[in-house]
Amino acid sequence: MNYTLDKVKELADGDEDFVKSVIGVFIQEVPQDVKKLKESIEEQDFLKIYQSAHKIKSNVDLFGMDEAKELILKTEAEAQGNKCIFQVESYFSQLEEIINLTIIELEVKYKG
């Protein structure tokens, strides 16, 4: 499992509907954010790469996705320095896989 709901449940303070709502927002919004990040990488627009990665970071942090968060931090650092697009692409491919697997797991567990 690539995620934990500890932070979400702490925020929910026992409200299971809140937990399901946050999961629903994650499932709906994060794929759109990942798509924007992918488009920014294809355009080699480091500012947009940074902005897109930064937006995803809070969600992966909330869901305890430490490996994904580390990839986001590395992506942000590369983008801030206008460094290597190939390195950014490598981070993205790993990040996309983790996020896609997490979304599938969440959909199966909370929507199925």
PDB file of N, CA and C in Angstrom:
ATOM      1  N   MET A   1       0.847  -1.179   0.000  1.00  0.00           N
ATOM      2  CA  MET A   1       0.000   0.000   0.000  1.00  0.00           C
ATOM      3  C   MET A   1       0.892   1.242   0.000  1.00  0.00           C
ATOM      4  N   ASN A   2       0.582   2.170  -0.886  1.00  0.00           N
ATOM      5  CA  ASN A   2       1.395   3.375  -1.072  1.00  0.00           C
ATOM      6  C   ASN A   2       0.911   4.563  -0.262  1.00  0.00           C
ATOM      7  N   TYR A   3      -0.092   4.367   0.565  1.00  0.00           N
ATOM      8  CA  TYR A   3      -0.676   5.499   1.280  1.00  0.00           C
ATOM      9  C   TYR A   3      -1.100   5.082   2.686  1.00  0.00           C
ATOM     10  N   THR A   4      -1.394   6.079   3.498  1.00  0.00           N
ATOM     11  CA  THR A   4      -1.996   5.858   4.804  1.00  0.00           C
ATOM     12  C   THR A   4      -3.022   6.967   5.022  1.00  0.00           C
ATOM     13  N   LEU A   5      -4.078   6.638   5.700  1.00  0.00           N
ATOM     14  CA  LEU A   5      -5.127   7.625   5.959  1.00  0.00           C
ATOM     15  C   LEU A   5      -5.001   8.254   7.346  1.00  0.00           C
ATOM     16  N   ASP A   6      -3.866   8.074   7.998  1.00  0.00           N
ATOM     17  CA  ASP A   6      -3.695   8.579   9.363  1.00  0.00           C
ATOM     18  C   ASP A   6      -3.980  10.074   9.477  1.00  0.00           C
ATOM     19  N   LYS A   7      -3.385  10.879   8.600  1.00  0.00           N
ATOM     20  CA  LYS A   7      -3.591  12.336   8.668  1.00  0.00           C
ATOM     21  C   LYS A   7      -5.033  12.708   8.334  1.00  0.00           C
ATOM     22  N   VAL A   8      -5.603  12.033   7.356  1.00  0.00           N
ATOM     23  CA  VAL A   8      -6.993  12.304   6.968  1.00  0.00           C
ATOM     24  C   VAL A   8      -7.918  11.990   8.137  1.00  0.00           C
ATOM     25  N   LYS A   9      -7.710  10.844   8.777  1.00  0.00           N
ATOM     26  CA  LYS A   9      -8.558  10.445   9.903  1.00  0.00           C
ATOM     27  C   LYS A   9      -8.373  11.369  11.100  1.00  0.00           C
ATOM     28  N   GLU A  10      -7.142  11.849  11.282  1.00  0.00           N
ATOM     29  CA  GLU A  10      -6.892  12.802  12.368  1.00  0.00           C
ATOM     30  C   GLU A  10      -7.677  14.093  12.130  1.00  0.00           C
ATOM     31  N   LEU A  11      -7.661  14.580  10.907  1.00  0.00           N
ATOM     32  CA  LEU A  11      -8.437  15.775  10.559  1.00  0.00           C
ATOM     33  C   LEU A  11      -9.936  15.527  10.697  1.00  0.00           C
ATOM     34  N   ALA A  12     -10.366  14.314  10.370  1.00  0.00           N
ATOM     35  CA  ALA A  12     -11.796  13.974  10.381  1.00  0.00           C
ATOM     36  C   ALA A  12     -12.358  13.870  11.792  1.00  0.00           C
ATOM     37  N   ASP A  13     -11.511  13.559  12.745  1.00  0.00           N
ATOM     38  CA  ASP A  13     -11.931  13.452  14.143  1.00  0.00           C
ATOM     39  C   ASP A  13     -13.160  12.540  14.286  1.00  0.00           C
ATOM     40  N   GLY A  14     -13.085  11.377  13.633  1.00  0.00           N
ATOM     41  CA  GLY A  14     -14.148  10.390  13.754  1.00  0.00           C
ATOM     42  C   GLY A  14     -15.271  10.502  12.737  1.00  0.00           C
ATOM     43  N   ASP A  15     -15.236  11.512  11.896  1.00  0.00           N
ATOM     44  CA  ASP A  15     -16.291  11.721  10.898  1.00  0.00           C
ATOM     45  C   ASP A  15     -15.958  10.929   9.628  1.00  0.00           C
ATOM     46  N   GLU A  16     -16.543   9.740   9.504  1.00  0.00           N
ATOM     47  CA  GLU A  16     -16.241   8.854   8.376  1.00  0.00           C
ATOM     48  C   GLU A  16     -16.695   9.446   7.041  1.00  0.00           C
ATOM     49  N   ASP A  17     -17.759  10.243   7.057  1.00  0.00           N
ATOM     50  CA  ASP A  17     -18.209  10.902   5.823  1.00  0.00           C
ATOM     51  C   ASP A  17     -17.158  11.890   5.323  1.00  0.00           C
ATOM     52  N   PHE A  18     -16.487  12.568   6.261  1.00  0.00           N
ATOM     53  CA  PHE A  18     -15.415  13.494   5.893  1.00  0.00           C
ATOM     54  C   PHE A  18     -14.276  12.729   5.227  1.00  0.00           C
ATOM     55  N   VAL A  19     -13.911  11.588   5.804  1.00  0.00           N
ATOM     56  CA  VAL A  19     -12.838  10.759   5.239  1.00  0.00           C
ATOM     57  C   VAL A  19     -13.188  10.370   3.805  1.00  0.00           C
ATOM     58  N   LYS A  20     -14.413   9.890   3.603  1.00  0.00           N
ATOM     59  CA  LYS A  20     -14.841   9.486   2.258  1.00  0.00           C
ATOM     60  C   LYS A  20     -14.856  10.672   1.297  1.00  0.00           C
ATOM     61  N   SER A  21     -15.232  11.835   1.801  1.00  0.00           N
ATOM     62  CA  SER A  21     -15.255  13.043   0.972  1.00  0.00           C
ATOM     63  C   SER A  21     -13.846  13.432   0.522  1.00  0.00           C
ATOM     64  N   VAL A  22     -12.894  13.393   1.444  1.00  0.00           N
ATOM     65  CA  VAL A  22     -11.503  13.733   1.117  1.00  0.00           C
ATOM     66  C   VAL A  22     -10.941  12.726   0.112  1.00  0.00           C
ATOM     67  N   ILE A  23     -11.256  11.465   0.302  1.00  0.00           N
ATOM     68  CA  ILE A  23     -10.812  10.435  -0.643  1.00  0.00           C
ATOM     69  C   ILE A  23     -11.415  10.698  -2.023  1.00  0.00           C
ATOM     70  N   GLY A  24     -12.687  11.056  -2.056  1.00  0.00           N
ATOM     71  CA  GLY A  24     -13.351  11.360  -3.321  1.00  0.00           C
ATOM     72  C   GLY A  24     -12.709  12.523  -4.051  1.00  0.00           C
ATOM     73  N   VAL A  25     -12.359  13.559  -3.300  1.00  0.00           N
ATOM     74  CA  VAL A  25     -11.689  14.724  -3.893  1.00  0.00           C
ATOM     75  C   VAL A  25     -10.325  14.310  -4.445  1.00  0.00           C
ATOM     76  N   PHE A  26      -9.588  13.503  -3.690  1.00  0.00           N
ATOM     77  CA  PHE A  26      -8.281  13.019  -4.138  1.00  0.00           C
ATOM     78  C   PHE A  26      -8.426  12.260  -5.457  1.00  0.00           C
ATOM     79  N   ILE A  27      -9.371  11.329  -5.499  1.00  0.00           N
ATOM     80  CA  ILE A  27      -9.582  10.504  -6.695  1.00  0.00           C
ATOM     81  C   ILE A  27      -9.972  11.359  -7.898  1.00  0.00           C
ATOM     82  N   GLN A  28     -10.714  12.422  -7.651  1.00  0.00           N
ATOM     83  CA  GLN A  28     -11.190  13.269  -8.742  1.00  0.00           C
ATOM     84  C   GLN A  28     -10.138  14.282  -9.202  1.00  0.00           C
ATOM     85  N   GLU A  29      -9.443  14.913  -8.262  1.00  0.00           N
ATOM     86  CA  GLU A  29      -8.568  16.038  -8.611  1.00  0.00           C
ATOM     87  C   GLU A  29      -7.137  15.658  -8.945  1.00  0.00           C
ATOM     88  N   VAL A  30      -6.581  14.704  -8.236  1.00  0.00           N
ATOM     89  CA  VAL A  30      -5.161  14.399  -8.422  1.00  0.00           C
ATOM     90  C   VAL A  30      -4.840  13.926  -9.844  1.00  0.00           C
ATOM     91  N   PRO A  31      -5.663  13.083 -10.469  1.00  0.00           N
ATOM     92  CA  PRO A  31      -5.351  12.713 -11.862  1.00  0.00           C
ATOM     93  C   PRO A  31      -5.292  13.922 -12.798  1.00  0.00           C
ATOM     94  N   GLN A  32      -6.138  14.917 -12.560  1.00  0.00           N
ATOM     95  CA  GLN A  32      -6.096  16.137 -13.370  1.00  0.00           C
ATOM     96  C   GLN A  32      -4.785  16.891 -13.132  1.00  0.00           C
ATOM     97  N   ASP A  33      -4.355  16.931 -11.874  1.00  0.00           N
ATOM     98  CA  ASP A  33      -3.093  17.600 -11.545  1.00  0.00           C
ATOM     99  C   ASP A  33      -1.903  16.865 -12.160  1.00  0.00           C
ATOM    100  N   VAL A  34      -1.965  15.540 -12.149  1.00  0.00           N
ATOM    101  CA  VAL A  34      -0.899  14.731 -12.758  1.00  0.00           C
ATOM    102  C   VAL A  34      -0.856  14.979 -14.264  1.00  0.00           C
ATOM    103  N   LYS A  35      -2.029  15.091 -14.877  1.00  0.00           N
ATOM    104  CA  LYS A  35      -2.098  15.377 -16.319  1.00  0.00           C
ATOM    105  C   LYS A  35      -1.460  16.732 -16.630  1.00  0.00           C
ATOM    106  N   LYS A  36      -1.739  17.738 -15.798  1.00  0.00           N
ATOM    107  CA  LYS A  36      -1.137  19.067 -15.995  1.00  0.00           C
ATOM    108  C   LYS A  36       0.377  19.001 -15.844  1.00  0.00           C
ATOM    109  N   LEU A  37       0.846  18.227 -14.870  1.00  0.00           N
ATOM    110  CA  LEU A  37       2.285  18.072 -14.687  1.00  0.00           C
ATOM    111  C   LEU A  37       2.903  17.416 -15.917  1.00  0.00           C
ATOM    112  N   LYS A  38       2.255  16.392 -16.430  1.00  0.00           N
ATOM    113  CA  LYS A  38       2.759  15.704 -17.629  1.00  0.00           C
ATOM    114  C   LYS A  38       2.840  16.666 -18.812  1.00  0.00           C
ATOM    115  N   GLU A  39       1.796  17.473 -18.998  1.00  0.00           N
ATOM    116  CA  GLU A  39       1.790  18.450 -20.092  1.00  0.00           C
ATOM    117  C   GLU A  39       2.907  19.479 -19.919  1.00  0.00           C
ATOM    118  N   SER A  40       3.138  19.912 -18.691  1.00  0.00           N
ATOM    119  CA  SER A  40       4.210  20.880 -18.419  1.00  0.00           C
ATOM    120  C   SER A  40       5.574  20.287 -18.736  1.00  0.00           C
ATOM    121  N   ILE A  41       5.736  19.009 -18.429  1.00  0.00           N
ATOM    122  CA  ILE A  41       6.997  18.326 -18.730  1.00  0.00           C
ATOM    123  C   ILE A  41       7.177  18.211 -20.242  1.00  0.00           C
ATOM    124  N   GLU A  42       6.103  17.858 -20.946  1.00  0.00           N
ATOM    125  CA  GLU A  42       6.180  17.763 -22.408  1.00  0.00           C
ATOM    126  C   GLU A  42       6.541  19.108 -23.029  1.00  0.00           C
ATOM    127  N   GLU A  43       6.060  20.197 -22.428  1.00  0.00           N
ATOM    128  CA  GLU A  43       6.375  21.549 -22.909  1.00  0.00           C
ATOM    129  C   GLU A  43       7.749  22.023 -22.430  1.00  0.00           C
ATOM    130  N   GLN A  44       8.350  21.272 -21.522  1.00  0.00           N
ATOM    131  CA  GLN A  44       9.626  21.628 -20.894  1.00  0.00           C
ATOM    132  C   GLN A  44       9.560  23.017 -20.258  1.00  0.00           C
ATOM    133  N   ASP A  45       8.424  23.297 -19.637  1.00  0.00           N
ATOM    134  CA  ASP A  45       8.187  24.575 -18.962  1.00  0.00           C
ATOM    135  C   ASP A  45       8.446  24.374 -17.465  1.00  0.00           C
ATOM    136  N   PHE A  46       9.654  24.741 -17.038  1.00  0.00           N
ATOM    137  CA  PHE A  46      10.063  24.463 -15.667  1.00  0.00           C
ATOM    138  C   PHE A  46       9.217  25.191 -14.625  1.00  0.00           C
ATOM    139  N   LEU A  47       8.741  26.381 -14.930  1.00  0.00           N
ATOM    140  CA  LEU A  47       7.882  27.095 -13.983  1.00  0.00           C
ATOM    141  C   LEU A  47       6.574  26.331 -13.776  1.00  0.00           C
ATOM    142  N   LYS A  48       5.956  25.909 -14.866  1.00  0.00           N
ATOM    143  CA  LYS A  48       4.710  25.140 -14.764  1.00  0.00           C
ATOM    144  C   LYS A  48       4.954  23.776 -14.114  1.00  0.00           C
ATOM    145  N   ILE A  49       6.102  23.187 -14.390  1.00  0.00           N
ATOM    146  CA  ILE A  49       6.449  21.909 -13.751  1.00  0.00           C
ATOM    147  C   ILE A  49       6.483  22.104 -12.242  1.00  0.00           C
ATOM    148  N   TYR A  50       7.165  23.148 -11.806  1.00  0.00           N
ATOM    149  CA  TYR A  50       7.255  23.422 -10.370  1.00  0.00           C
ATOM    150  C   TYR A  50       5.864  23.645  -9.777  1.00  0.00           C
ATOM    151  N   GLN A  51       5.063  24.480 -10.426  1.00  0.00           N
ATOM    152  CA  GLN A  51       3.729  24.802  -9.910  1.00  0.00           C
ATOM    153  C   GLN A  51       2.841  23.562  -9.838  1.00  0.00           C
ATOM    154  N   SER A  52       2.875  22.748 -10.862  1.00  0.00           N
ATOM    155  CA  SER A  52       2.057  21.533 -10.885  1.00  0.00           C
ATOM    156  C   SER A  52       2.509  20.541  -9.815  1.00  0.00           C
ATOM    157  N   ALA A  53       3.811  20.369  -9.698  1.00  0.00           N
ATOM    158  CA  ALA A  53       4.344  19.459  -8.682  1.00  0.00           C
ATOM    159  C   ALA A  53       3.983  19.948  -7.285  1.00  0.00           C
ATOM    160  N   HIS A  54       4.108  21.240  -7.086  1.00  0.00           N
ATOM    161  CA  HIS A  54       3.809  21.823  -5.777  1.00  0.00           C
ATOM    162  C   HIS A  54       2.346  21.585  -5.397  1.00  0.00           C
ATOM    163  N   LYS A  55       1.463  21.683  -6.356  1.00  0.00           N
ATOM    164  CA  LYS A  55       0.035  21.470  -6.095  1.00  0.00           C
ATOM    165  C   LYS A  55      -0.238  20.023  -5.677  1.00  0.00           C
ATOM    166  N   ILE A  56       0.444  19.092  -6.284  1.00  0.00           N
ATOM    167  CA  ILE A  56       0.263  17.672  -5.965  1.00  0.00           C
ATOM    168  C   ILE A  56       0.834  17.348  -4.583  1.00  0.00           C
ATOM    169  N   LYS A  57       1.871  18.060  -4.193  1.00  0.00           N
ATOM    170  CA  LYS A  57       2.596  17.744  -2.959  1.00  0.00           C
ATOM    171  C   LYS A  57       1.698  17.697  -1.725  1.00  0.00           C
ATOM    172  N   SER A  58       0.793  18.651  -1.584  1.00  0.00           N
ATOM    173  CA  SER A  58      -0.046  18.673  -0.382  1.00  0.00           C
ATOM    174  C   SER A  58      -0.956  17.444  -0.319  1.00  0.00           C
ATOM    175  N   ASN A  59      -1.434  16.992  -1.461  1.00  0.00           N
ATOM    176  CA  ASN A  59      -2.288  15.800  -1.484  1.00  0.00           C
ATOM    177  C   ASN A  59      -1.517  14.536  -1.128  1.00  0.00           C
ATOM    178  N   VAL A  60      -0.339  14.360  -1.700  1.00  0.00           N
ATOM    179  CA  VAL A  60       0.422  13.146  -1.390  1.00  0.00           C
ATOM    180  C   VAL A  60       0.888  13.165   0.065  1.00  0.00           C
ATOM    181  N   ASP A  61       1.138  14.357   0.600  1.00  0.00           N
ATOM    182  CA  ASP A  61       1.508  14.469   2.008  1.00  0.00           C
ATOM    183  C   ASP A  61       0.328  14.097   2.901  1.00  0.00           C
ATOM    184  N   LEU A  62      -0.851  14.602   2.583  1.00  0.00           N
ATOM    185  CA  LEU A  62      -2.053  14.311   3.367  1.00  0.00           C
ATOM    186  C   LEU A  62      -2.337  12.810   3.406  1.00  0.00           C
ATOM    187  N   PHE A  63      -2.030  12.124   2.321  1.00  0.00           N
ATOM    188  CA  PHE A  63      -2.288  10.690   2.243  1.00  0.00           C
ATOM    189  C   PHE A  63      -1.064   9.850   2.634  1.00  0.00           C
ATOM    190  N   GLY A  64      -0.073  10.477   3.245  1.00  0.00           N
ATOM    191  CA  GLY A  64       1.081   9.751   3.758  1.00  0.00           C
ATOM    192  C   GLY A  64       1.870   9.014   2.696  1.00  0.00           C
ATOM    193  N   MET A  65       1.884   9.572   1.489  1.00  0.00           N
ATOM    194  CA  MET A  65       2.569   8.928   0.366  1.00  0.00           C
ATOM    195  C   MET A  65       4.022   9.416   0.320  1.00  0.00           C
ATOM    196  N   ASP A  66       4.828   8.866   1.219  1.00  0.00           N
ATOM    197  CA  ASP A  66       6.191   9.362   1.408  1.00  0.00           C
ATOM    198  C   ASP A  66       7.062   9.240   0.163  1.00  0.00           C
ATOM    199  N   GLU A  67       6.972   8.120  -0.532  1.00  0.00           N
ATOM    200  CA  GLU A  67       7.791   7.936  -1.735  1.00  0.00           C
ATOM    201  C   GLU A  67       7.393   8.950  -2.811  1.00  0.00           C
ATOM    202  N   ALA A  68       6.097   9.155  -2.973  1.00  0.00           N
ATOM    203  CA  ALA A  68       5.612  10.134  -3.947  1.00  0.00           C
ATOM    204  C   ALA A  68       6.038  11.545  -3.544  1.00  0.00           C
ATOM    205  N   LYS A  69       5.968  11.842  -2.256  1.00  0.00           N
ATOM    206  CA  LYS A  69       6.367  13.172  -1.785  1.00  0.00           C
ATOM    207  C   LYS A  69       7.846  13.421  -2.078  1.00  0.00           C
ATOM    208  N   GLU A  70       8.665  12.416  -1.866  1.00  0.00           N
ATOM    209  CA  GLU A  70      10.098  12.552  -2.147  1.00  0.00           C
ATOM    210  C   GLU A  70      10.335  12.824  -3.634  1.00  0.00           C
ATOM    211  N   LEU A  71       9.602  12.147  -4.495  1.00  0.00           N
ATOM    212  CA  LEU A  71       9.721  12.385  -5.939  1.00  0.00           C
ATOM    213  C   LEU A  71       9.259  13.792  -6.303  1.00  0.00           C
ATOM    214  N   ILE A  72       8.222  14.269  -5.649  1.00  0.00           N
ATOM    215  CA  ILE A  72       7.736  15.639  -5.879  1.00  0.00           C
ATOM    216  C   ILE A  72       8.797  16.646  -5.455  1.00  0.00           C
ATOM    217  N   LEU A  73       9.393  16.435  -4.290  1.00  0.00           N
ATOM    218  CA  LEU A  73      10.431  17.361  -3.816  1.00  0.00           C
ATOM    219  C   LEU A  73      11.612  17.403  -4.786  1.00  0.00           C
ATOM    220  N   LYS A  74      12.002  16.250  -5.302  1.00  0.00           N
ATOM    221  CA  LYS A  74      13.098  16.195  -6.276  1.00  0.00           C
ATOM    222  C   LYS A  74      12.701  16.899  -7.574  1.00  0.00           C
ATOM    223  N   THR A  75      11.451  16.702  -7.987  1.00  0.00           N
ATOM    224  CA  THR A  75      10.952  17.360  -9.200  1.00  0.00           C
ATOM    225  C   THR A  75      10.964  18.870  -9.025  1.00  0.00           C
ATOM    226  N   GLU A  76      10.492  19.336  -7.873  1.00  0.00           N
ATOM    227  CA  GLU A  76      10.498  20.778  -7.594  1.00  0.00           C
ATOM    228  C   GLU A  76      11.917  21.337  -7.646  1.00  0.00           C
ATOM    229  N   ALA A  77      12.858  20.621  -7.049  1.00  0.00           N
ATOM    230  CA  ALA A  77      14.246  21.087  -7.028  1.00  0.00           C
ATOM    231  C   ALA A  77      14.820  21.171  -8.441  1.00  0.00           C
ATOM    232  N   GLU A  78      14.561  20.164  -9.257  1.00  0.00           N
ATOM    233  CA  GLU A  78      15.027  20.186 -10.647  1.00  0.00           C
ATOM    234  C   GLU A  78      14.395  21.350 -11.401  1.00  0.00           C
ATOM    235  N   ALA A  79      13.096  21.537 -11.196  1.00  0.00           N
ATOM    236  CA  ALA A  79      12.374  22.592 -11.915  1.00  0.00           C
ATOM    237  C   ALA A  79      12.834  23.978 -11.483  1.00  0.00           C
ATOM    238  N   GLN A  80      13.075  24.155 -10.190  1.00  0.00           N
ATOM    239  CA  GLN A  80      13.525  25.465  -9.704  1.00  0.00           C
ATOM    240  C   GLN A  80      14.864  25.852 -10.297  1.00  0.00           C
ATOM    241  N   GLY A  81      15.702  24.861 -10.524  1.00  0.00           N
ATOM    242  CA  GLY A  81      17.015  25.148 -11.070  1.00  0.00           C
ATOM    243  C   GLY A  81      17.078  25.055 -12.581  1.00  0.00           C
ATOM    244  N   ASN A  82      15.907  24.886 -13.226  1.00  0.00           N
ATOM    245  CA  ASN A  82      15.880  24.678 -14.682  1.00  0.00           C
ATOM    246  C   ASN A  82      16.939  23.664 -15.087  1.00  0.00           C
ATOM    247  N   LYS A  83      16.966  22.562 -14.382  1.00  0.00           N
ATOM    248  CA  LYS A  83      18.040  21.594 -14.559  1.00  0.00           C
ATOM    249  C   LYS A  83      17.750  20.614 -15.686  1.00  0.00           C
ATOM    250  N   CYS A  84      17.601  19.359 -15.350  1.00  0.00           N
ATOM    251  CA  CYS A  84      17.569  18.305 -16.367  1.00  0.00           C
ATOM    252  C   CYS A  84      16.150  17.786 -16.593  1.00  0.00           C
ATOM    253  N   ILE A  85      15.616  18.025 -17.778  1.00  0.00           N
ATOM    254  CA  ILE A  85      14.262  17.567 -18.099  1.00  0.00           C
ATOM    255  C   ILE A  85      14.192  16.043 -18.085  1.00  0.00           C
ATOM    256  N   PHE A  86      15.294  15.379 -18.431  1.00  0.00           N
ATOM    257  CA  PHE A  86      15.298  13.918 -18.430  1.00  0.00           C
ATOM    258  C   PHE A  86      15.152  13.368 -17.015  1.00  0.00           C
ATOM    259  N   GLN A  87      15.748  14.048 -16.042  1.00  0.00           N
ATOM    260  CA  GLN A  87      15.609  13.637 -14.646  1.00  0.00           C
ATOM    261  C   GLN A  87      14.174  13.853 -14.176  1.00  0.00           C
ATOM    262  N   VAL A  88      13.595  14.978 -14.577  1.00  0.00           N
ATOM    263  CA  VAL A  88      12.198  15.273 -14.237  1.00  0.00           C
ATOM    264  C   VAL A  88      11.285  14.195 -14.828  1.00  0.00           C
ATOM    265  N   GLU A  89      11.538  13.810 -16.068  1.00  0.00           N
ATOM    266  CA  GLU A  89      10.732  12.761 -16.707  1.00  0.00           C
ATOM    267  C   GLU A  89      10.841  11.440 -15.943  1.00  0.00           C
ATOM    268  N   SER A  90      12.031  11.142 -15.465  1.00  0.00           N
ATOM    269  CA  SER A  90      12.238   9.916 -14.693  1.00  0.00           C
ATOM    270  C   SER A  90      11.444   9.954 -13.388  1.00  0.00           C
ATOM    271  N   TYR A  91      11.536  11.066 -12.681  1.00  0.00           N
ATOM    272  CA  TYR A  91      10.765  11.215 -11.438  1.00  0.00           C
ATOM    273  C   TYR A  91       9.270  11.102 -11.725  1.00  0.00           C
ATOM    274  N   PHE A  92       8.839  11.749 -12.808  1.00  0.00           N
ATOM    275  CA  PHE A  92       7.418  11.753 -13.138  1.00  0.00           C
ATOM    276  C   PHE A  92       6.904  10.345 -13.417  1.00  0.00           C
ATOM    277  N   SER A  93       7.672   9.573 -14.157  1.00  0.00           N
ATOM    278  CA  SER A  93       7.208   8.233 -14.497  1.00  0.00           C
ATOM    279  C   SER A  93       7.001   7.392 -13.239  1.00  0.00           C
ATOM    280  N   GLN A  94       7.893   7.534 -12.266  1.00  0.00           N
ATOM    281  CA  GLN A  94       7.734   6.822 -10.995  1.00  0.00           C
ATOM    282  C   GLN A  94       6.536   7.364 -10.211  1.00  0.00           C
ATOM    283  N   LEU A  95       6.416   8.677 -10.184  1.00  0.00           N
ATOM    284  CA  LEU A  95       5.326   9.335  -9.465  1.00  0.00           C
ATOM    285  C   LEU A  95       3.969   8.938 -10.039  1.00  0.00           C
ATOM    286  N   GLU A  96       3.870   8.966 -11.351  1.00  0.00           N
ATOM    287  CA  GLU A  96       2.608   8.633 -12.016  1.00  0.00           C
ATOM    288  C   GLU A  96       2.176   7.205 -11.677  1.00  0.00           C
ATOM    289  N   GLU A  97       3.123   6.293 -11.660  1.00  0.00           N
ATOM    290  CA  GLU A  97       2.811   4.898 -11.334  1.00  0.00           C
ATOM    291  C   GLU A  97       2.294   4.772  -9.901  1.00  0.00           C
ATOM    292  N   ILE A  98       2.965   5.429  -8.967  1.00  0.00           N
ATOM    293  CA  ILE A  98       2.549   5.380  -7.559  1.00  0.00           C
ATOM    294  C   ILE A  98       1.149   5.961  -7.389  1.00  0.00           C
ATOM    295  N   ILE A  99       0.912   7.107  -7.996  1.00  0.00           N
ATOM    296  CA  ILE A  99      -0.393   7.761  -7.857  1.00  0.00           C
ATOM    297  C   ILE A  99      -1.489   6.925  -8.503  1.00  0.00           C
ATOM    298  N   ASN A 100      -1.238   6.387  -9.678  1.00  0.00           N
ATOM    299  CA  ASN A 100      -2.245   5.554 -10.340  1.00  0.00           C
ATOM    300  C   ASN A 100      -2.598   4.322  -9.507  1.00  0.00           C
ATOM    301  N   LEU A 101      -1.592   3.674  -8.939  1.00  0.00           N
ATOM    302  CA  LEU A 101      -1.841   2.511  -8.082  1.00  0.00           C
ATOM    303  C   LEU A 101      -2.639   2.904  -6.843  1.00  0.00           C
ATOM    304  N   THR A 102      -2.298   4.039  -6.263  1.00  0.00           N
ATOM    305  CA  THR A 102      -3.002   4.514  -5.071  1.00  0.00           C
ATOM    306  C   THR A 102      -4.465   4.799  -5.384  1.00  0.00           C
ATOM    307  N   ILE A 103      -4.715   5.432  -6.506  1.00  0.00           N
ATOM    308  CA  ILE A 103      -6.094   5.744  -6.889  1.00  0.00           C
ATOM    309  C   ILE A 103      -6.892   4.454  -7.094  1.00  0.00           C
ATOM    310  N   ILE A 104      -6.292   3.477  -7.735  1.00  0.00           N
ATOM    311  CA  ILE A 104      -6.970   2.186  -7.922  1.00  0.00           C
ATOM    312  C   ILE A 104      -7.293   1.558  -6.564  1.00  0.00           C
ATOM    313  N   GLU A 105      -6.311   1.561  -5.658  1.00  0.00           N
ATOM    314  CA  GLU A 105      -6.524   0.995  -4.324  1.00  0.00           C
ATOM    315  C   GLU A 105      -7.651   1.719  -3.592  1.00  0.00           C
ATOM    316  N   LEU A 106      -7.654   3.042  -3.660  1.00  0.00           N
ATOM    317  CA  LEU A 106      -8.691   3.826  -2.984  1.00  0.00           C
ATOM    318  C   LEU A 106     -10.064   3.573  -3.594  1.00  0.00           C
ATOM    319  N   GLU A 107     -10.118   3.487  -4.910  1.00  0.00           N
ATOM    320  CA  GLU A 107     -11.404   3.230  -5.579  1.00  0.00           C
ATOM    321  C   GLU A 107     -11.961   1.866  -5.184  1.00  0.00           C
ATOM    322  N   VAL A 108     -11.102   0.867  -5.157  1.00  0.00           N
ATOM    323  CA  VAL A 108     -11.538  -0.484  -4.800  1.00  0.00           C
ATOM    324  C   VAL A 108     -12.023  -0.519  -3.348  1.00  0.00           C
ATOM    325  N   LYS A 109     -11.266   0.117  -2.469  1.00  0.00           N
ATOM    326  CA  LYS A 109     -11.576   0.040  -1.039  1.00  0.00           C
ATOM    327  C   LYS A 109     -12.757   0.921  -0.636  1.00  0.00           C
ATOM    328  N   TYR A 110     -12.875   2.098  -1.240  1.00  0.00           N
ATOM    329  CA  TYR A 110     -13.861   3.063  -0.757  1.00  0.00           C
ATOM    330  C   TYR A 110     -15.016   3.327  -1.710  1.00  0.00           C
ATOM    331  N   LYS A 111     -14.922   2.850  -2.931  1.00  0.00           N
ATOM    332  CA  LYS A 111     -16.035   3.051  -3.860  1.00  0.00           C
ATOM    333  C   LYS A 111     -16.636   1.724  -4.296  1.00  0.00           C
ATOM    334  N   GLY A 112     -15.897   0.639  -4.046  1.00  0.00           N
ATOM    335  CA  GLY A 112     -16.352  -0.665  -4.489  1.00  0.00           C
ATOM    336  C   GLY A 112     -17.113  -1.331  -3.459  1.00  0.00           C
TER     337      GLY A 112
END
